[in-house]
Each structure stands twice: as C-alpha cells, then as structure tokens.
N, C-alpha and C. Protein backbone atom coordinates (compact mmCIF):
# COMPACT_ATOMS: atom_id res chain seq x y z
N MET A 1 99.73 61.15 -12.56
CA MET A 1 100.38 59.89 -12.94
C MET A 1 100.07 58.83 -11.89
N LEU A 2 99.82 57.61 -12.35
CA LEU A 2 99.39 56.53 -11.47
C LEU A 2 100.40 56.25 -10.37
N LEU A 3 101.70 56.25 -10.69
CA LEU A 3 102.71 55.95 -9.67
C LEU A 3 102.73 57.03 -8.59
N ASN A 4 102.60 58.28 -8.97
CA ASN A 4 102.52 59.35 -7.99
C ASN A 4 101.37 59.10 -7.02
N TYR A 5 100.21 58.82 -7.58
CA TYR A 5 99.01 58.59 -6.77
C TYR A 5 99.21 57.40 -5.83
N GLU A 6 99.78 56.34 -6.37
CA GLU A 6 100.00 55.12 -5.59
C GLU A 6 100.94 55.38 -4.41
N LEU A 7 102.04 56.08 -4.67
CA LEU A 7 103.02 56.35 -3.62
C LEU A 7 102.46 57.31 -2.57
N GLU A 8 101.79 58.36 -3.03
CA GLU A 8 101.24 59.33 -2.09
C GLU A 8 100.17 58.69 -1.21
N LYS A 9 99.31 57.91 -1.80
CA LYS A 9 98.26 57.23 -1.04
C LYS A 9 98.85 56.30 0.00
N GLU A 10 99.86 55.54 -0.39
CA GLU A 10 100.50 54.59 0.54
C GLU A 10 101.18 55.33 1.69
N LEU A 11 101.92 56.38 1.37
CA LEU A 11 102.64 57.13 2.42
C LEU A 11 101.69 57.81 3.39
N LYS A 12 100.62 58.37 2.88
CA LYS A 12 99.66 59.04 3.76
C LYS A 12 98.89 58.02 4.60
N THR A 13 98.63 56.86 4.04
CA THR A 13 97.98 55.79 4.81
C THR A 13 98.88 55.37 5.98
N LEU A 14 100.20 55.42 5.75
CA LEU A 14 101.17 55.00 6.76
C LEU A 14 101.54 56.13 7.74
N GLY A 15 100.98 57.32 7.53
CA GLY A 15 101.18 58.37 8.53
C GLY A 15 101.80 59.67 8.05
N ALA A 16 102.20 59.77 6.78
CA ALA A 16 102.76 61.02 6.30
C ALA A 16 101.66 62.07 6.16
N ASN A 17 101.97 63.30 6.53
CA ASN A 17 101.01 64.40 6.38
C ASN A 17 101.10 65.07 5.02
N PHE A 18 102.30 65.04 4.42
CA PHE A 18 102.44 65.60 3.07
C PHE A 18 103.48 64.82 2.29
N VAL A 19 103.29 64.82 0.97
CA VAL A 19 104.19 64.13 0.04
C VAL A 19 104.33 64.99 -1.21
N TYR A 20 105.57 65.24 -1.65
CA TYR A 20 105.82 66.00 -2.86
C TYR A 20 106.80 65.23 -3.74
N PHE A 21 106.66 65.43 -5.05
CA PHE A 21 107.54 64.80 -6.02
C PHE A 21 108.29 65.90 -6.76
N VAL A 22 109.62 65.84 -6.71
CA VAL A 22 110.44 66.99 -7.08
C VAL A 22 111.48 66.63 -8.15
N ASP A 23 111.64 67.54 -9.10
CA ASP A 23 112.69 67.41 -10.13
C ASP A 23 114.00 67.93 -9.55
N ILE A 24 114.99 67.06 -9.44
CA ILE A 24 116.30 67.46 -8.90
C ILE A 24 117.39 67.32 -9.96
N SER A 25 116.98 67.26 -11.22
CA SER A 25 117.93 66.98 -12.30
C SER A 25 118.96 68.10 -12.51
N LEU A 26 118.62 69.32 -12.09
CA LEU A 26 119.54 70.43 -12.30
C LEU A 26 120.56 70.58 -11.17
N LEU A 27 120.43 69.78 -10.13
CA LEU A 27 121.43 69.80 -9.06
C LEU A 27 122.70 69.10 -9.54
N SER A 28 123.79 69.35 -8.83
CA SER A 28 125.05 68.71 -9.21
C SER A 28 124.98 67.21 -8.97
N ASN A 29 125.83 66.48 -9.67
CA ASN A 29 125.87 65.03 -9.51
C ASN A 29 126.26 64.64 -8.08
N GLU A 30 127.08 65.47 -7.44
CA GLU A 30 127.44 65.22 -6.04
C GLU A 30 126.20 65.26 -5.15
N GLN A 31 125.28 66.17 -5.48
CA GLN A 31 124.07 66.29 -4.68
C GLN A 31 123.04 65.21 -5.02
N ASN A 32 122.71 65.07 -6.30
CA ASN A 32 121.61 64.17 -6.65
C ASN A 32 122.04 62.73 -6.92
N LYS A 33 123.36 62.49 -6.90
CA LYS A 33 123.89 61.13 -7.08
C LYS A 33 123.44 60.52 -8.42
N GLY A 34 123.12 61.36 -9.37
CA GLY A 34 122.72 60.86 -10.68
C GLY A 34 121.23 60.60 -10.82
N TYR A 35 120.47 60.80 -9.75
CA TYR A 35 119.02 60.60 -9.81
C TYR A 35 118.35 61.88 -10.31
N LEU A 36 117.26 61.71 -11.05
CA LEU A 36 116.55 62.85 -11.62
C LEU A 36 115.44 63.39 -10.70
N TYR A 37 114.92 62.49 -9.86
CA TYR A 37 113.73 62.86 -9.09
C TYR A 37 113.90 62.56 -7.60
N ALA A 38 113.08 63.24 -6.81
CA ALA A 38 113.08 63.00 -5.37
C ALA A 38 111.65 63.00 -4.85
N ILE A 39 111.44 62.23 -3.82
CA ILE A 39 110.17 62.23 -3.09
C ILE A 39 110.47 62.78 -1.71
N ILE A 40 109.75 63.81 -1.31
CA ILE A 40 109.91 64.34 0.04
C ILE A 40 108.61 64.11 0.80
N LEU A 41 108.74 63.59 1.99
CA LEU A 41 107.58 63.30 2.82
C LEU A 41 107.78 63.90 4.20
N GLY A 42 106.69 64.27 4.82
CA GLY A 42 106.81 64.91 6.13
C GLY A 42 105.69 64.56 7.07
N ILE A 43 106.00 64.65 8.36
CA ILE A 43 105.03 64.46 9.42
C ILE A 43 105.07 65.70 10.31
N VAL A 44 103.92 66.20 10.66
CA VAL A 44 103.82 67.45 11.42
C VAL A 44 103.84 67.17 12.92
N LEU A 45 104.56 68.00 13.66
CA LEU A 45 104.55 67.91 15.12
C LEU A 45 103.22 68.45 15.63
N SER A 46 102.71 67.88 16.70
CA SER A 46 101.41 68.29 17.22
C SER A 46 101.50 69.66 17.89
N GLN A 47 100.39 70.35 17.93
CA GLN A 47 100.32 71.65 18.60
C GLN A 47 100.58 71.49 20.10
N ASP A 48 100.08 70.41 20.67
CA ASP A 48 100.30 70.17 22.10
C ASP A 48 101.78 69.96 22.41
N TYR A 49 102.48 69.32 21.49
CA TYR A 49 103.92 69.09 21.71
C TYR A 49 104.68 70.40 21.69
N ILE A 50 104.36 71.27 20.74
CA ILE A 50 105.02 72.58 20.69
C ILE A 50 104.82 73.32 22.00
N GLN A 51 103.59 73.30 22.51
CA GLN A 51 103.29 73.99 23.76
C GLN A 51 104.06 73.36 24.92
N LYS A 52 104.18 72.04 24.93
CA LYS A 52 104.88 71.35 26.02
C LYS A 52 106.35 71.74 26.06
N VAL A 53 106.99 71.82 24.89
CA VAL A 53 108.40 72.20 24.85
C VAL A 53 108.57 73.63 25.35
N ILE A 54 107.64 74.50 24.98
CA ILE A 54 107.70 75.90 25.43
C ILE A 54 107.53 75.98 26.95
N ASP A 55 106.63 75.19 27.49
CA ASP A 55 106.28 75.28 28.91
C ASP A 55 107.25 74.55 29.83
N THR A 56 108.12 73.70 29.26
CA THR A 56 109.00 72.87 30.08
C THR A 56 110.45 73.33 29.95
N PRO A 57 110.99 73.97 30.98
CA PRO A 57 112.40 74.43 30.93
C PRO A 57 113.35 73.26 30.65
N ASP A 58 114.31 73.48 29.76
CA ASP A 58 115.31 72.46 29.42
C ASP A 58 114.67 71.14 29.04
N TYR A 59 113.62 71.21 28.25
CA TYR A 59 112.85 70.01 27.90
C TYR A 59 113.72 68.90 27.32
N VAL A 60 114.45 69.20 26.25
CA VAL A 60 115.25 68.17 25.59
C VAL A 60 116.37 67.68 26.50
N LYS A 61 117.03 68.60 27.16
CA LYS A 61 118.13 68.25 28.06
C LYS A 61 117.65 67.26 29.13
N ASN A 62 116.49 67.51 29.69
CA ASN A 62 115.97 66.63 30.74
C ASN A 62 115.49 65.29 30.17
N MET A 63 114.95 65.30 28.97
CA MET A 63 114.55 64.04 28.35
C MET A 63 115.75 63.13 28.14
N VAL A 64 116.85 63.73 27.70
CA VAL A 64 118.09 62.96 27.50
C VAL A 64 118.64 62.49 28.84
N LYS A 65 118.68 63.40 29.82
CA LYS A 65 119.22 63.09 31.14
C LYS A 65 118.46 61.94 31.79
N ASN A 66 117.15 61.90 31.58
CA ASN A 66 116.31 60.88 32.22
C ASN A 66 116.09 59.65 31.33
N ASN A 67 116.87 59.56 30.26
CA ASN A 67 116.78 58.43 29.33
C ASN A 67 115.35 58.24 28.80
N GLN A 68 114.68 59.35 28.48
CA GLN A 68 113.31 59.31 27.99
C GLN A 68 113.19 59.79 26.55
N ILE A 69 114.31 59.95 25.87
CA ILE A 69 114.27 60.56 24.54
C ILE A 69 113.44 59.73 23.57
N GLU A 70 113.36 58.42 23.78
CA GLU A 70 112.57 57.59 22.87
C GLU A 70 111.08 57.81 23.06
N ASP A 71 110.70 58.49 24.15
CA ASP A 71 109.30 58.83 24.38
C ASP A 71 108.94 60.21 23.81
N ASP A 72 109.93 60.88 23.26
CA ASP A 72 109.74 62.23 22.76
C ASP A 72 109.08 62.21 21.38
N GLU A 73 108.10 63.08 21.17
CA GLU A 73 107.37 63.10 19.90
C GLU A 73 108.26 63.45 18.72
N PHE A 74 109.13 64.42 18.89
CA PHE A 74 110.03 64.80 17.80
C PHE A 74 110.90 63.62 17.40
N TYR A 75 111.49 62.95 18.36
CA TYR A 75 112.33 61.78 18.10
C TYR A 75 111.52 60.70 17.37
N GLN A 76 110.32 60.43 17.87
CA GLN A 76 109.50 59.37 17.28
C GLN A 76 109.12 59.68 15.84
N LYS A 77 108.81 60.94 15.57
CA LYS A 77 108.40 61.29 14.21
C LYS A 77 109.59 61.38 13.26
N GLU A 78 110.76 61.74 13.80
CA GLU A 78 111.97 61.68 12.98
C GLU A 78 112.26 60.23 12.58
N MET A 79 112.10 59.31 13.52
CA MET A 79 112.30 57.90 13.22
C MET A 79 111.25 57.39 12.23
N LYS A 80 110.03 57.90 12.37
CA LYS A 80 108.93 57.46 11.51
C LYS A 80 109.16 57.87 10.07
N VAL A 81 109.53 59.14 9.84
CA VAL A 81 109.74 59.57 8.44
C VAL A 81 110.92 58.83 7.82
N ASP A 82 111.94 58.54 8.62
CA ASP A 82 113.08 57.77 8.12
C ASP A 82 112.63 56.37 7.70
N SER A 83 111.81 55.75 8.53
CA SER A 83 111.35 54.39 8.22
C SER A 83 110.46 54.38 6.98
N LEU A 84 109.66 55.43 6.80
CA LEU A 84 108.81 55.52 5.61
C LEU A 84 109.65 55.69 4.35
N ALA A 85 110.72 56.49 4.46
CA ALA A 85 111.62 56.67 3.32
C ALA A 85 112.30 55.35 2.96
N ASP A 86 112.76 54.62 3.96
CA ASP A 86 113.38 53.31 3.70
C ASP A 86 112.38 52.36 3.05
N TYR A 87 111.15 52.39 3.53
CA TYR A 87 110.10 51.52 3.00
C TYR A 87 109.81 51.82 1.53
N ILE A 88 109.63 53.11 1.22
CA ILE A 88 109.30 53.48 -0.16
C ILE A 88 110.48 53.22 -1.10
N SER A 89 111.69 53.40 -0.60
CA SER A 89 112.87 53.08 -1.39
C SER A 89 112.89 51.60 -1.74
N GLY A 90 112.61 50.77 -0.75
CA GLY A 90 112.56 49.33 -0.99
C GLY A 90 111.44 48.95 -1.94
N TYR A 91 110.31 49.62 -1.82
CA TYR A 91 109.16 49.35 -2.69
C TYR A 91 109.50 49.67 -4.14
N LEU A 92 110.12 50.84 -4.35
CA LEU A 92 110.49 51.23 -5.71
C LEU A 92 111.52 50.27 -6.31
N THR A 93 112.46 49.85 -5.48
CA THR A 93 113.48 48.89 -5.93
C THR A 93 112.84 47.57 -6.34
N SER A 94 111.83 47.15 -5.57
CA SER A 94 111.14 45.89 -5.90
C SER A 94 110.37 45.98 -7.21
N LYS A 95 110.07 47.22 -7.63
CA LYS A 95 109.36 47.44 -8.89
C LYS A 95 110.33 47.58 -10.07
N GLY A 96 111.63 47.48 -9.79
CA GLY A 96 112.62 47.53 -10.85
C GLY A 96 113.26 48.89 -11.06
N TYR A 97 112.92 49.85 -10.20
CA TYR A 97 113.53 51.18 -10.31
C TYR A 97 114.73 51.27 -9.35
N LYS A 98 115.53 52.28 -9.56
CA LYS A 98 116.60 52.57 -8.63
C LYS A 98 116.09 53.61 -7.61
N ALA A 99 116.50 53.45 -6.36
CA ALA A 99 116.04 54.39 -5.33
C ALA A 99 117.05 54.43 -4.20
N TYR A 100 117.16 55.60 -3.60
CA TYR A 100 118.10 55.79 -2.50
C TYR A 100 117.41 56.57 -1.38
N SER A 101 117.21 55.92 -0.25
CA SER A 101 116.60 56.58 0.90
C SER A 101 117.65 57.45 1.60
N GLN A 102 117.25 58.70 1.89
CA GLN A 102 118.14 59.58 2.63
C GLN A 102 117.80 59.58 4.13
N SER A 103 117.42 58.40 4.63
CA SER A 103 117.23 58.26 6.07
C SER A 103 118.59 58.43 6.75
N GLU A 104 118.57 58.85 7.99
CA GLU A 104 119.83 59.07 8.71
C GLU A 104 120.70 57.82 8.70
N LYS A 105 120.08 56.68 8.96
CA LYS A 105 120.82 55.42 9.00
C LYS A 105 121.47 55.12 7.66
N ASN A 106 120.74 55.31 6.57
CA ASN A 106 121.26 54.97 5.25
C ASN A 106 122.33 55.95 4.78
N VAL A 107 122.13 57.23 5.07
CA VAL A 107 123.13 58.23 4.67
C VAL A 107 124.46 57.97 5.38
N ILE A 108 124.38 57.62 6.66
CA ILE A 108 125.60 57.33 7.42
C ILE A 108 126.27 56.04 6.92
N SER A 109 125.47 54.98 6.78
CA SER A 109 126.04 53.68 6.41
C SER A 109 126.60 53.67 4.99
N SER A 110 126.06 54.54 4.12
CA SER A 110 126.55 54.59 2.74
C SER A 110 127.65 55.62 2.54
N GLY A 111 128.05 56.26 3.63
CA GLY A 111 129.20 57.16 3.59
C GLY A 111 128.93 58.56 3.09
N PHE A 112 127.65 58.98 3.10
CA PHE A 112 127.33 60.32 2.59
C PHE A 112 127.11 61.35 3.71
N PHE A 113 127.40 60.97 4.94
CA PHE A 113 127.35 61.94 6.04
C PHE A 113 128.78 62.30 6.42
N ASN A 114 129.08 63.59 6.36
CA ASN A 114 130.41 64.08 6.72
C ASN A 114 130.41 64.38 8.21
N GLU A 115 130.94 63.49 9.00
CA GLU A 115 130.92 63.64 10.45
C GLU A 115 131.71 64.87 10.89
N LYS A 116 132.81 65.13 10.24
CA LYS A 116 133.65 66.27 10.62
C LYS A 116 132.91 67.59 10.42
N GLU A 117 132.21 67.70 9.31
CA GLU A 117 131.48 68.93 8.98
C GLU A 117 130.02 68.89 9.42
N LYS A 118 129.56 67.72 9.84
CA LYS A 118 128.15 67.51 10.20
C LYS A 118 127.24 67.95 9.04
N SER A 119 127.49 67.36 7.88
CA SER A 119 126.75 67.77 6.69
C SER A 119 126.53 66.61 5.73
N THR A 120 125.56 66.78 4.86
CA THR A 120 125.31 65.84 3.77
C THR A 120 125.26 66.63 2.46
N PRO A 121 125.50 65.98 1.32
CA PRO A 121 125.50 66.72 0.05
C PRO A 121 124.15 67.33 -0.31
N LEU A 122 123.05 66.67 0.13
CA LEU A 122 121.71 67.12 -0.27
C LEU A 122 120.74 67.07 0.91
N PRO A 123 120.68 68.12 1.71
CA PRO A 123 119.75 68.16 2.85
C PRO A 123 118.29 68.09 2.38
N HIS A 124 117.43 67.55 3.23
CA HIS A 124 116.01 67.47 2.91
C HIS A 124 115.44 68.84 2.60
N LYS A 125 115.89 69.86 3.34
CA LYS A 125 115.29 71.20 3.16
C LYS A 125 115.64 71.80 1.81
N THR A 126 116.73 71.35 1.19
CA THR A 126 117.04 71.80 -0.17
C THR A 126 115.98 71.29 -1.14
N ILE A 127 115.62 70.04 -0.99
CA ILE A 127 114.57 69.45 -1.82
C ILE A 127 113.22 70.09 -1.50
N ALA A 128 112.98 70.37 -0.23
CA ALA A 128 111.74 71.04 0.17
C ALA A 128 111.62 72.40 -0.50
N GLY A 129 112.74 73.10 -0.63
CA GLY A 129 112.74 74.39 -1.30
C GLY A 129 112.34 74.26 -2.76
N LEU A 130 112.86 73.23 -3.42
CA LEU A 130 112.52 72.99 -4.83
C LEU A 130 111.06 72.55 -4.98
N ALA A 131 110.51 72.00 -3.91
CA ALA A 131 109.09 71.60 -3.93
C ALA A 131 108.17 72.79 -3.70
N GLY A 132 108.75 73.92 -3.27
CA GLY A 132 107.94 75.10 -3.00
C GLY A 132 107.25 75.06 -1.65
N ILE A 133 107.75 74.23 -0.73
CA ILE A 133 107.11 74.07 0.57
C ILE A 133 107.36 75.27 1.48
N GLY A 134 108.57 75.82 1.42
CA GLY A 134 108.91 76.92 2.32
C GLY A 134 110.29 77.46 2.04
N TRP A 135 110.84 78.16 3.02
CA TRP A 135 112.16 78.78 2.89
C TRP A 135 113.01 78.41 4.10
N ILE A 136 114.30 78.71 4.04
CA ILE A 136 115.20 78.43 5.15
C ILE A 136 115.20 79.63 6.10
N GLY A 137 114.89 79.38 7.36
CA GLY A 137 114.85 80.45 8.35
C GLY A 137 116.24 80.82 8.83
N LYS A 138 116.29 81.84 9.66
CA LYS A 138 117.57 82.27 10.22
C LYS A 138 118.16 81.21 11.15
N HIS A 139 117.32 80.26 11.57
CA HIS A 139 117.78 79.16 12.42
C HIS A 139 118.22 77.95 11.60
N ASN A 140 118.25 78.11 10.27
CA ASN A 140 118.68 77.06 9.35
C ASN A 140 117.71 75.88 9.29
N LEU A 141 116.48 76.09 9.71
CA LEU A 141 115.44 75.08 9.57
C LEU A 141 114.48 75.53 8.48
N LEU A 142 113.80 74.56 7.88
CA LEU A 142 112.77 74.92 6.93
C LEU A 142 111.63 75.61 7.66
N VAL A 143 111.10 76.67 7.07
CA VAL A 143 109.93 77.36 7.60
C VAL A 143 108.83 77.27 6.54
N THR A 144 107.66 76.81 6.93
CA THR A 144 106.53 76.72 6.01
C THR A 144 105.42 77.66 6.47
N PRO A 145 104.67 78.23 5.54
CA PRO A 145 103.57 79.11 5.95
C PRO A 145 102.51 78.40 6.80
N GLU A 146 102.33 77.11 6.56
CA GLU A 146 101.25 76.38 7.25
C GLU A 146 101.65 75.85 8.62
N TYR A 147 102.88 75.33 8.75
CA TYR A 147 103.29 74.68 9.99
C TYR A 147 104.50 75.33 10.66
N GLY A 148 105.02 76.39 10.10
CA GLY A 148 106.25 76.94 10.64
C GLY A 148 107.36 75.93 10.44
N SER A 149 108.12 75.68 11.51
CA SER A 149 109.19 74.68 11.44
C SER A 149 108.81 73.38 12.15
N ALA A 150 107.54 73.21 12.42
CA ALA A 150 107.07 72.06 13.20
C ALA A 150 106.86 70.83 12.33
N ILE A 151 107.89 70.43 11.61
CA ILE A 151 107.79 69.27 10.73
C ILE A 151 109.05 68.41 10.80
N CYS A 152 108.85 67.12 10.57
CA CYS A 152 109.95 66.18 10.41
C CYS A 152 109.89 65.67 8.97
N MET A 153 111.03 65.62 8.30
CA MET A 153 111.04 65.26 6.88
C MET A 153 112.10 64.21 6.57
N CYS A 154 111.86 63.51 5.45
CA CYS A 154 112.89 62.65 4.88
C CYS A 154 112.66 62.60 3.38
N THR A 155 113.65 62.12 2.65
CA THR A 155 113.57 62.12 1.19
C THR A 155 114.08 60.82 0.60
N VAL A 156 113.60 60.55 -0.61
CA VAL A 156 114.05 59.39 -1.39
C VAL A 156 114.42 59.89 -2.78
N LEU A 157 115.59 59.52 -3.25
CA LEU A 157 116.02 59.85 -4.62
C LEU A 157 115.72 58.64 -5.50
N THR A 158 115.28 58.89 -6.72
CA THR A 158 114.88 57.76 -7.56
C THR A 158 114.94 58.10 -9.05
N ASP A 159 114.93 57.05 -9.87
CA ASP A 159 114.83 57.23 -11.32
C ASP A 159 113.43 56.83 -11.80
N ALA A 160 112.53 56.54 -10.87
CA ALA A 160 111.17 56.16 -11.25
C ALA A 160 110.49 57.31 -11.99
N PRO A 161 109.71 57.02 -13.02
CA PRO A 161 109.07 58.07 -13.85
C PRO A 161 107.93 58.75 -13.10
N LEU A 162 108.24 59.83 -12.42
CA LEU A 162 107.26 60.54 -11.61
C LEU A 162 106.90 61.88 -12.26
N ASN A 163 105.71 62.32 -12.00
CA ASN A 163 105.29 63.66 -12.41
C ASN A 163 105.76 64.62 -11.33
N THR A 164 106.71 65.49 -11.64
CA THR A 164 107.39 66.27 -10.61
C THR A 164 107.25 67.78 -10.81
N VAL A 165 107.62 68.51 -9.77
CA VAL A 165 107.68 69.97 -9.82
C VAL A 165 109.12 70.41 -9.58
N ALA A 166 109.42 71.61 -10.00
CA ALA A 166 110.73 72.21 -9.72
C ALA A 166 110.49 73.71 -9.57
N CYS A 167 110.32 74.15 -8.34
CA CYS A 167 109.98 75.54 -8.06
C CYS A 167 111.23 76.37 -7.79
N ASN A 168 111.14 77.65 -8.08
CA ASN A 168 112.18 78.56 -7.63
C ASN A 168 112.07 78.69 -6.12
N PRO A 169 113.20 78.79 -5.42
CA PRO A 169 113.15 78.91 -3.96
C PRO A 169 112.28 80.09 -3.52
N ILE A 170 111.46 79.85 -2.49
CA ILE A 170 110.63 80.91 -1.93
C ILE A 170 111.52 81.90 -1.19
N LYS A 171 111.30 83.17 -1.44
CA LYS A 171 112.07 84.20 -0.75
C LYS A 171 111.77 84.17 0.74
N SER A 172 112.80 84.36 1.55
CA SER A 172 112.63 84.35 3.00
C SER A 172 111.57 85.35 3.44
N MET A 173 110.71 84.90 4.34
CA MET A 173 109.68 85.77 4.89
C MET A 173 109.94 86.05 6.37
N CYS A 174 111.21 85.90 6.77
CA CYS A 174 111.59 86.15 8.17
C CYS A 174 111.65 87.65 8.48
N GLY A 175 111.92 88.44 7.46
CA GLY A 175 112.00 89.88 7.67
C GLY A 175 113.05 90.26 8.70
N ASN A 176 112.69 91.18 9.58
CA ASN A 176 113.62 91.64 10.62
C ASN A 176 113.56 90.81 11.89
N CYS A 177 112.76 89.77 11.89
CA CYS A 177 112.60 88.93 13.09
C CYS A 177 113.92 88.24 13.46
N VAL A 178 114.27 88.29 14.73
CA VAL A 178 115.46 87.57 15.23
C VAL A 178 115.12 86.80 16.50
N ILE A 179 113.86 86.39 16.62
CA ILE A 179 113.43 85.66 17.81
C ILE A 179 114.23 84.38 17.99
N CYS A 180 114.50 83.67 16.89
CA CYS A 180 115.27 82.43 17.00
C CYS A 180 116.66 82.71 17.56
N LYS A 181 117.27 83.78 17.09
CA LYS A 181 118.60 84.16 17.59
C LYS A 181 118.55 84.50 19.07
N ASP A 182 117.53 85.26 19.46
CA ASP A 182 117.42 85.70 20.84
C ASP A 182 117.11 84.56 21.81
N THR A 183 116.45 83.50 21.32
CA THR A 183 116.11 82.38 22.19
C THR A 183 117.22 81.34 22.27
N CYS A 184 118.26 81.49 21.45
CA CYS A 184 119.34 80.49 21.42
C CYS A 184 120.33 80.77 22.55
N SER A 185 120.29 79.94 23.57
CA SER A 185 121.11 80.18 24.77
C SER A 185 122.60 79.99 24.51
N VAL A 186 122.95 79.20 23.48
CA VAL A 186 124.37 78.94 23.21
C VAL A 186 124.91 79.82 22.08
N LYS A 187 124.07 80.75 21.61
CA LYS A 187 124.48 81.72 20.59
C LYS A 187 124.96 81.04 19.30
N ALA A 188 124.23 79.99 18.91
CA ALA A 188 124.60 79.28 17.68
C ALA A 188 124.03 79.96 16.44
N ILE A 189 122.96 80.75 16.61
CA ILE A 189 122.28 81.38 15.48
C ILE A 189 122.82 82.80 15.27
N LYS A 190 123.20 83.09 14.04
CA LYS A 190 123.88 84.35 13.75
C LYS A 190 122.95 85.50 13.37
N GLY A 191 121.71 85.17 13.02
CA GLY A 191 120.73 86.21 12.72
C GLY A 191 120.73 86.70 11.29
N ASN A 192 121.39 85.98 10.40
CA ASN A 192 121.44 86.39 9.00
C ASN A 192 120.24 85.85 8.22
N THR A 193 119.83 86.59 7.22
CA THR A 193 118.70 86.19 6.38
C THR A 193 119.17 85.29 5.25
N TRP A 194 118.46 84.19 5.06
CA TRP A 194 118.79 83.24 4.01
C TRP A 194 118.32 83.74 2.64
N SER A 195 119.10 83.44 1.63
CA SER A 195 118.67 83.58 0.24
C SER A 195 119.38 82.48 -0.53
N ALA A 196 118.96 82.25 -1.75
CA ALA A 196 119.59 81.19 -2.56
C ALA A 196 121.09 81.43 -2.64
N GLY A 197 121.85 80.42 -2.26
CA GLY A 197 123.30 80.56 -2.27
C GLY A 197 123.90 80.81 -0.90
N THR A 198 123.06 81.11 0.09
CA THR A 198 123.56 81.32 1.45
C THR A 198 124.02 79.99 2.04
N SER A 199 125.20 79.97 2.61
CA SER A 199 125.72 78.73 3.19
C SER A 199 125.16 78.52 4.59
N ARG A 200 125.15 77.28 5.01
CA ARG A 200 124.71 76.94 6.36
C ARG A 200 125.49 77.70 7.41
N ASP A 201 126.81 77.79 7.21
CA ASP A 201 127.67 78.39 8.22
C ASP A 201 127.45 79.90 8.35
N GLU A 202 126.82 80.50 7.35
CA GLU A 202 126.46 81.92 7.46
C GLU A 202 125.25 82.11 8.38
N LEU A 203 124.50 81.04 8.59
CA LEU A 203 123.29 81.12 9.40
C LEU A 203 123.51 80.63 10.83
N VAL A 204 124.18 79.50 10.97
CA VAL A 204 124.33 78.89 12.30
C VAL A 204 125.72 78.28 12.47
N ASP A 205 126.09 78.12 13.73
CA ASP A 205 127.28 77.35 14.09
C ASP A 205 126.78 76.01 14.59
N VAL A 206 126.82 75.00 13.72
CA VAL A 206 126.24 73.70 14.07
C VAL A 206 127.00 73.02 15.21
N PHE A 207 128.22 73.43 15.45
CA PHE A 207 129.01 72.81 16.51
C PHE A 207 128.63 73.36 17.89
N LYS A 208 127.93 74.47 17.90
CA LYS A 208 127.40 75.01 19.16
C LYS A 208 125.99 74.49 19.44
N CYS A 209 125.26 74.17 18.39
CA CYS A 209 123.85 73.80 18.52
C CYS A 209 123.68 72.54 19.37
N THR A 210 122.71 72.58 20.30
CA THR A 210 122.44 71.44 21.18
C THR A 210 121.12 70.76 20.85
N THR A 211 120.47 71.17 19.74
CA THR A 211 119.16 70.64 19.34
C THR A 211 118.15 70.74 20.47
N CYS A 212 118.10 71.90 21.11
CA CYS A 212 117.18 72.10 22.23
C CYS A 212 115.75 72.38 21.77
N LEU A 213 115.57 72.68 20.49
CA LEU A 213 114.28 72.94 19.86
C LEU A 213 113.67 74.30 20.19
N GLU A 214 114.39 75.11 20.97
CA GLU A 214 113.83 76.41 21.37
C GLU A 214 113.58 77.32 20.16
N CYS A 215 114.51 77.33 19.21
CA CYS A 215 114.31 78.18 18.02
C CYS A 215 113.13 77.68 17.20
N LEU A 216 112.96 76.37 17.14
CA LEU A 216 111.86 75.78 16.38
C LEU A 216 110.51 76.18 16.96
N VAL A 217 110.36 76.02 18.27
CA VAL A 217 109.04 76.25 18.87
C VAL A 217 108.69 77.72 19.03
N HIS A 218 109.71 78.60 19.12
CA HIS A 218 109.44 80.02 19.31
C HIS A 218 109.35 80.80 18.00
N CYS A 219 109.66 80.16 16.89
CA CYS A 219 109.50 80.82 15.59
C CYS A 219 108.06 81.31 15.45
N PRO A 220 107.85 82.57 15.08
CA PRO A 220 106.48 83.08 14.95
C PRO A 220 105.60 82.27 14.00
N TRP A 221 106.21 81.68 12.98
CA TRP A 221 105.42 80.86 12.05
C TRP A 221 104.99 79.56 12.72
N THR A 222 105.84 78.99 13.58
CA THR A 222 105.45 77.82 14.35
C THR A 222 104.38 78.20 15.36
N GLN A 223 104.53 79.37 15.98
CA GLN A 223 103.54 79.86 16.94
C GLN A 223 102.17 80.04 16.26
N LYS A 224 102.19 80.57 15.06
CA LYS A 224 100.94 80.75 14.31
C LYS A 224 100.24 79.41 14.10
N TYR A 225 101.02 78.39 13.75
CA TYR A 225 100.46 77.04 13.59
C TYR A 225 99.95 76.51 14.92
N MET A 226 100.73 76.69 15.98
CA MET A 226 100.36 76.16 17.29
C MET A 226 99.03 76.74 17.78
N ASN A 227 98.80 78.00 17.49
CA ASN A 227 97.60 78.69 17.98
C ASN A 227 96.40 78.58 17.05
N LYS A 228 96.60 77.87 15.93
CA LYS A 228 95.51 77.70 14.98
C LYS A 228 94.44 76.78 15.57
N LYS A 229 93.22 77.17 15.47
CA LYS A 229 92.10 76.36 15.99
C LYS A 229 91.70 75.27 15.00
C-alpha cells in the first residue's frame, strides 16, 4: 500500500532501523483507545555501545552522577524514536487521519501513564509482539532474534488505512537461561518465563529496577548481536 511505503521510507530516511504496521483491533478499548492500527518503529543500539556498558562498571549510575546522561547513546536513541513517533503522528493528522503518538512525553501529558504503578495501558513491546518481532524476556524487555534487547522503540496508534499484520506472540526462547536474573544487583528480576498472559509483576519488580542496563547488555541474544561481524 502506498501509505505504508511512504511512511516507512520517511521513517527510515530519518533514522529508524525498522518499521512495522500492526493490527491492534482485537485489543481492548482501554489498550488501543479505539484505534485499529499501530505503527512501531525502532532504532538499534550500536555494538560498540553494548561493549562499553559491559566494560564500564556502574556505567549508567556514573553517567547520571556526572550529569552526562544526555551524551548516552541509549538516552539519545530513546529520545529519537519518541521524536519520530511525534513527527509521524503529526504528519498523519495533517493528512486528515487520527493518530496518537505513544512517546513518553505524550503518554504522560495525556494522562495515560500510571505513575503509581509505573505502567501504561499498551506498552510498545505488546505491539512488537503482535508484529512478530520477538518475545518478552525474563527481564521484561523485548528480545529479538536479530538484535537481542538492543533496541529503542516507540509506537503510533492511528485510523489511517494501512496494510497491517497481526501475528500470534512468539513463544519465549529464553529456555533455562537466567543470566539477566543473575546480573541484576538489586534482585528486581524474578527469573520467570514469559508466555501470553504473563503479567509484568510476575517477571520483574519495577520499583527495584534502576535501569542500569546490565540485563539488557548481558542477554545472550544481545551478546550474539554484539559479536556479529
């Protein structure tokens, strides 16, 4: 479909590494807000960045302490995907369609972020699952066969007539691995295997998590991506 091609071309020109168009019509109205379709876009973290986080003790903690977080690649790419989602939402609106960017700023300002529970009705990784990109790891992050968890994502909900997919969730391929649990210094990861219907709280204690990225970079699937030539 022409609109799919136009949006994907524009997003990739602006820096997105992947773009998927997803049917979310079977989700609850609380989740999809009445929209039938979603666009998920992502930017991949560099292999050098993964290695740097591994090699630098307390990497995130020190970046925050030294007021250098804005120089961090993960932070920059999280901001980038959010800005791309806001941009595409505005573009679709200018074309006469309805669209809702799920950027962090927009979700908070529109009242769809539950600060007490640290949750939103429709996480990006839920849409990623419907796109067939990957599965939810024991660390509650999306895991993809190609990049592991080394990705930043954002989504846009819309009524624009897109050619979409709706995949069954990929079965977890974590197996007996508990590396993410073992690397979590604050014991936020419980080591349970995700399947459709598994709640976030069965996997992690988000109130303990410090976003240190250790589980992300040490995931064997992320390691496989990092070591790819």
